[in-house]
Amino acid sequence: MNDWIVAHDATQGKKAYAIECLRCGEIQHVATPIDVTCYVAMGRAFEEMHQHCREPALAEARDEPN
């Protein structure tokens, strides 16, 4: 996974097993129990959807008018 895509472990309360993009903040919650191959496929799909997310500071700087 990318550095900004995080797969949470079971100790994260409401985020347990969730997959999160630290750049845009989207969270994919995962219902458990889940087959590990399904979980990996979800992670790969999530990573593909978020591969072009920009870091918040960079996104804000680019969006500000000069």
PDB file of N, CA and C in Angstrom:
ATOM      1  N   MET A   1       0.830  -1.182   0.000  1.00  0.00           N
ATOM      2  CA  MET A   1       0.000   0.000   0.000  1.00  0.00           C
ATOM      3  C   MET A   1       0.880   1.253   0.000  1.00  0.00           C
ATOM      4  N   ASN A   2       0.299   2.352  -0.399  1.00  0.00           N
ATOM      5  CA  ASN A   2       0.988   3.630  -0.358  1.00  0.00           C
ATOM      6  C   ASN A   2       1.183   4.076   1.078  1.00  0.00           C
ATOM      7  N   ASP A   3       2.070   5.044   1.280  1.00  0.00           N
ATOM      8  CA  ASP A   3       2.319   5.558   2.626  1.00  0.00           C
ATOM      9  C   ASP A   3       1.088   6.216   3.230  1.00  0.00           C
ATOM     10  N   TRP A   4       0.171   6.700   2.406  1.00  0.00           N
ATOM     11  CA  TRP A   4      -0.994   7.418   2.917  1.00  0.00           C
ATOM     12  C   TRP A   4      -2.247   6.547   2.992  1.00  0.00           C
ATOM     13  N   ILE A   5      -2.124   5.284   2.659  1.00  0.00           N
ATOM     14  CA  ILE A   5      -3.226   4.333   2.802  1.00  0.00           C
ATOM     15  C   ILE A   5      -2.920   3.474   4.028  1.00  0.00           C
ATOM     16  N   VAL A   6      -3.854   3.465   4.981  1.00  0.00           N
ATOM     17  CA  VAL A   6      -3.642   2.761   6.241  1.00  0.00           C
ATOM     18  C   VAL A   6      -4.721   1.701   6.418  1.00  0.00           C
ATOM     19  N   ALA A   7      -4.298   0.499   6.778  1.00  0.00           N
ATOM     20  CA  ALA A   7      -5.231  -0.566   7.154  1.00  0.00           C
ATOM     21  C   ALA A   7      -5.160  -0.675   8.676  1.00  0.00           C
ATOM     22  N   HIS A   8      -6.238  -0.307   9.354  1.00  0.00           N
ATOM     23  CA  HIS A   8      -6.263  -0.304  10.818  1.00  0.00           C
ATOM     24  C   HIS A   8      -6.407  -1.726  11.355  1.00  0.00           C
ATOM     25  N   ASP A   9      -5.877  -1.918  12.556  1.00  0.00           N
ATOM     26  CA  ASP A   9      -6.011  -3.227  13.199  1.00  0.00           C
ATOM     27  C   ASP A   9      -7.230  -3.239  14.124  1.00  0.00           C
ATOM     28  N   ALA A  10      -7.409  -4.324  14.835  1.00  0.00           N
ATOM     29  CA  ALA A  10      -8.606  -4.507  15.662  1.00  0.00           C
ATOM     30  C   ALA A  10      -8.648  -3.608  16.892  1.00  0.00           C
ATOM     31  N   THR A  11      -7.570  -2.901  17.207  1.00  0.00           N
ATOM     32  CA  THR A  11      -7.526  -2.071  18.413  1.00  0.00           C
ATOM     33  C   THR A  11      -8.036  -0.654  18.173  1.00  0.00           C
ATOM     34  N   GLN A  12      -8.563  -0.358  16.996  1.00  0.00           N
ATOM     35  CA  GLN A  12      -8.918   1.004  16.632  1.00  0.00           C
ATOM     36  C   GLN A  12     -10.391   1.354  16.841  1.00  0.00           C
ATOM     37  N   GLY A  13     -11.108   0.607  17.645  1.00  0.00           N
ATOM     38  CA  GLY A  13     -12.510   0.929  17.944  1.00  0.00           C
ATOM     39  C   GLY A  13     -13.373   0.925  16.691  1.00  0.00           C
ATOM     40  N   LYS A  14     -14.017   2.064  16.375  1.00  0.00           N
ATOM     41  CA  LYS A  14     -14.898   2.142  15.204  1.00  0.00           C
ATOM     42  C   LYS A  14     -14.134   1.982  13.894  1.00  0.00           C
ATOM     43  N   LYS A  15     -12.830   2.213  13.920  1.00  0.00           N
ATOM     44  CA  LYS A  15     -12.012   2.063  12.719  1.00  0.00           C
ATOM     45  C   LYS A  15     -11.375   0.672  12.617  1.00  0.00           C
ATOM     46  N   ALA A  16     -11.775  -0.263  13.481  1.00  0.00           N
ATOM     47  CA  ALA A  16     -11.184  -1.595  13.452  1.00  0.00           C
ATOM     48  C   ALA A  16     -11.317  -2.208  12.061  1.00  0.00           C
ATOM     49  N   TYR A  17     -10.193  -2.603  11.513  1.00  0.00           N
ATOM     50  CA  TYR A  17     -10.074  -3.232  10.192  1.00  0.00           C
ATOM     51  C   TYR A  17     -10.435  -2.302   9.033  1.00  0.00           C
ATOM     52  N   ALA A  18     -10.691  -1.036   9.310  1.00  0.00           N
ATOM     53  CA  ALA A  18     -11.023  -0.089   8.239  1.00  0.00           C
ATOM     54  C   ALA A  18      -9.773   0.243   7.423  1.00  0.00           C
ATOM     55  N   ILE A  19     -10.001   0.667   6.202  1.00  0.00           N
ATOM     56  CA  ILE A  19      -8.928   1.116   5.312  1.00  0.00           C
ATOM     57  C   ILE A  19      -9.143   2.615   5.129  1.00  0.00           C
ATOM     58  N   GLU A  20      -8.078   3.417   5.338  1.00  0.00           N
ATOM     59  CA  GLU A  20      -8.223   4.871   5.354  1.00  0.00           C
ATOM     60  C   GLU A  20      -7.180   5.549   4.482  1.00  0.00           C
ATOM     61  N   CYS A  21      -7.614   6.584   3.770  1.00  0.00           N
ATOM     62  CA  CYS A  21      -6.706   7.443   3.010  1.00  0.00           C
ATOM     63  C   CYS A  21      -6.402   8.652   3.892  1.00  0.00           C
ATOM     64  N   LEU A  22      -5.148   8.804   4.291  1.00  0.00           N
ATOM     65  CA  LEU A  22      -4.765   9.914   5.163  1.00  0.00           C
ATOM     66  C   LEU A  22      -4.700  11.237   4.413  1.00  0.00           C
ATOM     67  N   ARG A  23      -4.766  11.198   3.097  1.00  0.00           N
ATOM     68  CA  ARG A  23      -4.716  12.431   2.316  1.00  0.00           C
ATOM     69  C   ARG A  23      -6.100  13.059   2.156  1.00  0.00           C
ATOM     70  N   CYS A  24      -7.096  12.282   1.788  1.00  0.00           N
ATOM     71  CA  CYS A  24      -8.435  12.862   1.591  1.00  0.00           C
ATOM     72  C   CYS A  24      -9.373  12.567   2.757  1.00  0.00           C
ATOM     73  N   GLY A  25      -8.998  11.614   3.604  1.00  0.00           N
ATOM     74  CA  GLY A  25      -9.790  11.310   4.783  1.00  0.00           C
ATOM     75  C   GLY A  25     -10.875  10.261   4.593  1.00  0.00           C
ATOM     76  N   GLU A  26     -11.019   9.725   3.389  1.00  0.00           N
ATOM     77  CA  GLU A  26     -12.051   8.709   3.169  1.00  0.00           C
ATOM     78  C   GLU A  26     -11.703   7.432   3.932  1.00  0.00           C
ATOM     79  N   ILE A  27     -12.731   6.814   4.503  1.00  0.00           N
ATOM     80  CA  ILE A  27     -12.563   5.576   5.257  1.00  0.00           C
ATOM     81  C   ILE A  27     -13.495   4.521   4.690  1.00  0.00           C
ATOM     82  N   GLN A  28     -12.937   3.351   4.407  1.00  0.00           N
ATOM     83  CA  GLN A  28     -13.733   2.202   3.964  1.00  0.00           C
ATOM     84  C   GLN A  28     -13.864   1.271   5.159  1.00  0.00           C
ATOM     85  N   HIS A  29     -15.062   1.230   5.760  1.00  0.00           N
ATOM     86  CA  HIS A  29     -15.283   0.331   6.881  1.00  0.00           C
ATOM     87  C   HIS A  29     -15.472  -1.084   6.358  1.00  0.00           C
ATOM     88  N   VAL A  30     -15.008  -2.038   7.137  1.00  0.00           N
ATOM     89  CA  VAL A  30     -15.039  -3.437   6.720  1.00  0.00           C
ATOM     90  C   VAL A  30     -15.823  -4.242   7.755  1.00  0.00           C
ATOM     91  N   ALA A  31     -16.834  -4.956   7.278  1.00  0.00           N
ATOM     92  CA  ALA A  31     -17.600  -5.841   8.164  1.00  0.00           C
ATOM     93  C   ALA A  31     -16.811  -7.124   8.384  1.00  0.00           C
ATOM     94  N   THR A  32     -16.759  -7.560   9.619  1.00  0.00           N
ATOM     95  CA  THR A  32     -16.049  -8.797   9.921  1.00  0.00           C
ATOM     96  C   THR A  32     -17.043  -9.828  10.455  1.00  0.00           C
ATOM     97  N   PRO A  33     -16.782 -11.076  10.310  1.00  0.00           N
ATOM     98  CA  PRO A  33     -15.574 -11.664   9.743  1.00  0.00           C
ATOM     99  C   PRO A  33     -15.562 -11.534   8.224  1.00  0.00           C
ATOM    100  N   ILE A  34     -14.354 -11.501   7.667  1.00  0.00           N
ATOM    101  CA  ILE A  34     -14.181 -11.391   6.221  1.00  0.00           C
ATOM    102  C   ILE A  34     -13.033 -12.298   5.794  1.00  0.00           C
ATOM    103  N   ASP A  35     -13.194 -12.912   4.659  1.00  0.00           N
ATOM    104  CA  ASP A  35     -12.143 -13.745   4.098  1.00  0.00           C
ATOM    105  C   ASP A  35     -10.942 -12.867   3.762  1.00  0.00           C
ATOM    106  N   VAL A  36      -9.766 -13.344   4.073  1.00  0.00           N
ATOM    107  CA  VAL A  36      -8.557 -12.539   3.875  1.00  0.00           C
ATOM    108  C   VAL A  36      -8.352 -12.159   2.404  1.00  0.00           C
ATOM    109  N   THR A  37      -8.706 -13.013   1.475  1.00  0.00           N
ATOM    110  CA  THR A  37      -8.538 -12.669   0.053  1.00  0.00           C
ATOM    111  C   THR A  37      -9.477 -11.534  -0.341  1.00  0.00           C
ATOM    112  N   CYS A  38     -10.666 -11.505   0.265  1.00  0.00           N
ATOM    113  CA  CYS A  38     -11.608 -10.405   0.019  1.00  0.00           C
ATOM    114  C   CYS A  38     -11.059  -9.106   0.594  1.00  0.00           C
ATOM    115  N   TYR A  39     -10.495  -9.179   1.793  1.00  0.00           N
ATOM    116  CA  TYR A  39      -9.946  -7.996   2.453  1.00  0.00           C
ATOM    117  C   TYR A  39      -8.786  -7.421   1.635  1.00  0.00           C
ATOM    118  N   VAL A  40      -7.929  -8.279   1.142  1.00  0.00           N
ATOM    119  CA  VAL A  40      -6.798  -7.837   0.310  1.00  0.00           C
ATOM    120  C   VAL A  40      -7.309  -7.203  -0.981  1.00  0.00           C
ATOM    121  N   ALA A  41      -8.313  -7.799  -1.596  1.00  0.00           N
ATOM    122  CA  ALA A  41      -8.888  -7.233  -2.828  1.00  0.00           C
ATOM    123  C   ALA A  41      -9.497  -5.857  -2.558  1.00  0.00           C
ATOM    124  N   MET A  42     -10.176  -5.701  -1.416  1.00  0.00           N
ATOM    125  CA  MET A  42     -10.740  -4.397  -1.050  1.00  0.00           C
ATOM    126  C   MET A  42      -9.630  -3.370  -0.875  1.00  0.00           C
ATOM    127  N   GLY A  43      -8.550  -3.776  -0.220  1.00  0.00           N
ATOM    128  CA  GLY A  43      -7.421  -2.881  -0.003  1.00  0.00           C
ATOM    129  C   GLY A  43      -6.790  -2.440  -1.305  1.00  0.00           C
ATOM    130  N   ARG A  44      -6.633  -3.355  -2.221  1.00  0.00           N
ATOM    131  CA  ARG A  44      -6.040  -3.015  -3.530  1.00  0.00           C
ATOM    132  C   ARG A  44      -6.942  -2.080  -4.324  1.00  0.00           C
ATOM    133  N   ALA A  45      -8.235  -2.327  -4.295  1.00  0.00           N
ATOM    134  CA  ALA A  45      -9.183  -1.450  -4.999  1.00  0.00           C
ATOM    135  C   ALA A  45      -9.183  -0.057  -4.376  1.00  0.00           C
ATOM    136  N   PHE A  46      -9.153   0.011  -3.045  1.00  0.00           N
ATOM    137  CA  PHE A  46      -9.122   1.294  -2.337  1.00  0.00           C
ATOM    138  C   PHE A  46      -7.845   2.049  -2.686  1.00  0.00           C
ATOM    139  N   GLU A  47      -6.734   1.340  -2.694  1.00  0.00           N
ATOM    140  CA  GLU A  47      -5.449   1.963  -3.039  1.00  0.00           C
ATOM    141  C   GLU A  47      -5.477   2.524  -4.457  1.00  0.00           C
ATOM    142  N   GLU A  48      -6.040   1.783  -5.386  1.00  0.00           N
ATOM    143  CA  GLU A  48      -6.129   2.250  -6.772  1.00  0.00           C
ATOM    144  C   GLU A  48      -6.977   3.518  -6.871  1.00  0.00           C
ATOM    145  N   MET A  49      -8.085   3.569  -6.124  1.00  0.00           N
ATOM    146  CA  MET A  49      -8.959   4.749  -6.154  1.00  0.00           C
ATOM    147  C   MET A  49      -8.282   5.980  -5.548  1.00  0.00           C
ATOM    148  N   HIS A  50      -7.316   5.765  -4.656  1.00  0.00           N
ATOM    149  CA  HIS A  50      -6.713   6.883  -3.926  1.00  0.00           C
ATOM    150  C   HIS A  50      -5.247   7.114  -4.286  1.00  0.00           C
ATOM    151  N   GLN A  51      -4.780   6.517  -5.370  1.00  0.00           N
ATOM    152  CA  GLN A  51      -3.371   6.659  -5.727  1.00  0.00           C
ATOM    153  C   GLN A  51      -2.995   8.084  -6.123  1.00  0.00           C
ATOM    154  N   HIS A  52      -3.961   8.894  -6.536  1.00  0.00           N
ATOM    155  CA  HIS A  52      -3.658  10.262  -6.962  1.00  0.00           C
ATOM    156  C   HIS A  52      -4.118  11.321  -5.956  1.00  0.00           C
ATOM    157  N   CYS A  53      -4.512  10.909  -4.774  1.00  0.00           N
ATOM    158  CA  CYS A  53      -4.901  11.888  -3.752  1.00  0.00           C
ATOM    159  C   CYS A  53      -3.681  12.737  -3.403  1.00  0.00           C
ATOM    160  N   ARG A  54      -3.926  14.029  -3.273  1.00  0.00           N
ATOM    161  CA  ARG A  54      -2.824  14.942  -2.934  1.00  0.00           C
ATOM    162  C   ARG A  54      -2.796  15.173  -1.437  1.00  0.00           C
ATOM    163  N   GLU A  55      -1.607  15.495  -0.936  1.00  0.00           N
ATOM    164  CA  GLU A  55      -1.482  15.848   0.474  1.00  0.00           C
ATOM    165  C   GLU A  55      -2.274  17.121   0.719  1.00  0.00           C
ATOM    166  N   PRO A  56      -2.960  17.237   1.848  1.00  0.00           N
ATOM    167  CA  PRO A  56      -3.814  18.405   2.104  1.00  0.00           C
ATOM    168  C   PRO A  56      -3.107  19.749   1.919  1.00  0.00           C
ATOM    169  N   ALA A  57      -1.887  19.910   2.408  1.00  0.00           N
ATOM    170  CA  ALA A  57      -1.178  21.190   2.279  1.00  0.00           C
ATOM    171  C   ALA A  57      -0.920  21.516   0.814  1.00  0.00           C
ATOM    172  N   LEU A  58      -0.586  20.524   0.025  1.00  0.00           N
ATOM    173  CA  LEU A  58      -0.336  20.748  -1.398  1.00  0.00           C
ATOM    174  C   LEU A  58      -1.634  21.064  -2.128  1.00  0.00           C
ATOM    175  N   ALA A  59      -2.696  20.370  -1.769  1.00  0.00           N
ATOM    176  CA  ALA A  59      -3.985  20.602  -2.419  1.00  0.00           C
ATOM    177  C   ALA A  59      -4.473  22.022  -2.136  1.00  0.00           C
ATOM    178  N   GLU A  60      -4.347  22.492  -0.899  1.00  0.00           N
ATOM    179  CA  GLU A  60      -4.792  23.834  -0.538  1.00  0.00           C
ATOM    180  C   GLU A  60      -3.973  24.892  -1.262  1.00  0.00           C
ATOM    181  N   ALA A  61      -2.668  24.691  -1.343  1.00  0.00           N
ATOM    182  CA  ALA A  61      -1.794  25.680  -1.992  1.00  0.00           C
ATOM    183  C   ALA A  61      -2.120  25.786  -3.482  1.00  0.00           C
ATOM    184  N   ARG A  62      -2.447  24.685  -4.118  1.00  0.00           N
ATOM    185  CA  ARG A  62      -2.761  24.700  -5.545  1.00  0.00           C
ATOM    186  C   ARG A  62      -4.130  25.302  -5.822  1.00  0.00           C
ATOM    187  N   ASP A  63      -5.038  25.167  -4.866  1.00  0.00           N
ATOM    188  CA  ASP A  63      -6.399  25.650  -5.054  1.00  0.00           C
ATOM    189  C   ASP A  63      -6.581  27.135  -4.721  1.00  0.00           C
ATOM    190  N   GLU A  64      -5.597  27.732  -4.038  1.00  0.00           N
ATOM    191  CA  GLU A  64      -5.704  29.137  -3.654  1.00  0.00           C
ATOM    192  C   GLU A  64      -5.426  30.030  -4.873  1.00  0.00           C
ATOM    193  N   PRO A  65      -6.239  31.071  -5.059  1.00  0.00           N
ATOM    194  CA  PRO A  65      -5.979  31.993  -6.165  1.00  0.00           C
ATOM    195  C   PRO A  65      -4.743  32.841  -5.872  1.00  0.00           C
ATOM    196  N   ASN A  66      -4.018  33.206  -6.904  1.00  0.00           N
ATOM    197  CA  ASN A  66      -2.812  34.016  -6.730  1.00  0.00           C
ATOM    198  C   ASN A  66      -3.130  35.475  -6.647  1.00  0.00           C
TER     199      ASN A  66
END
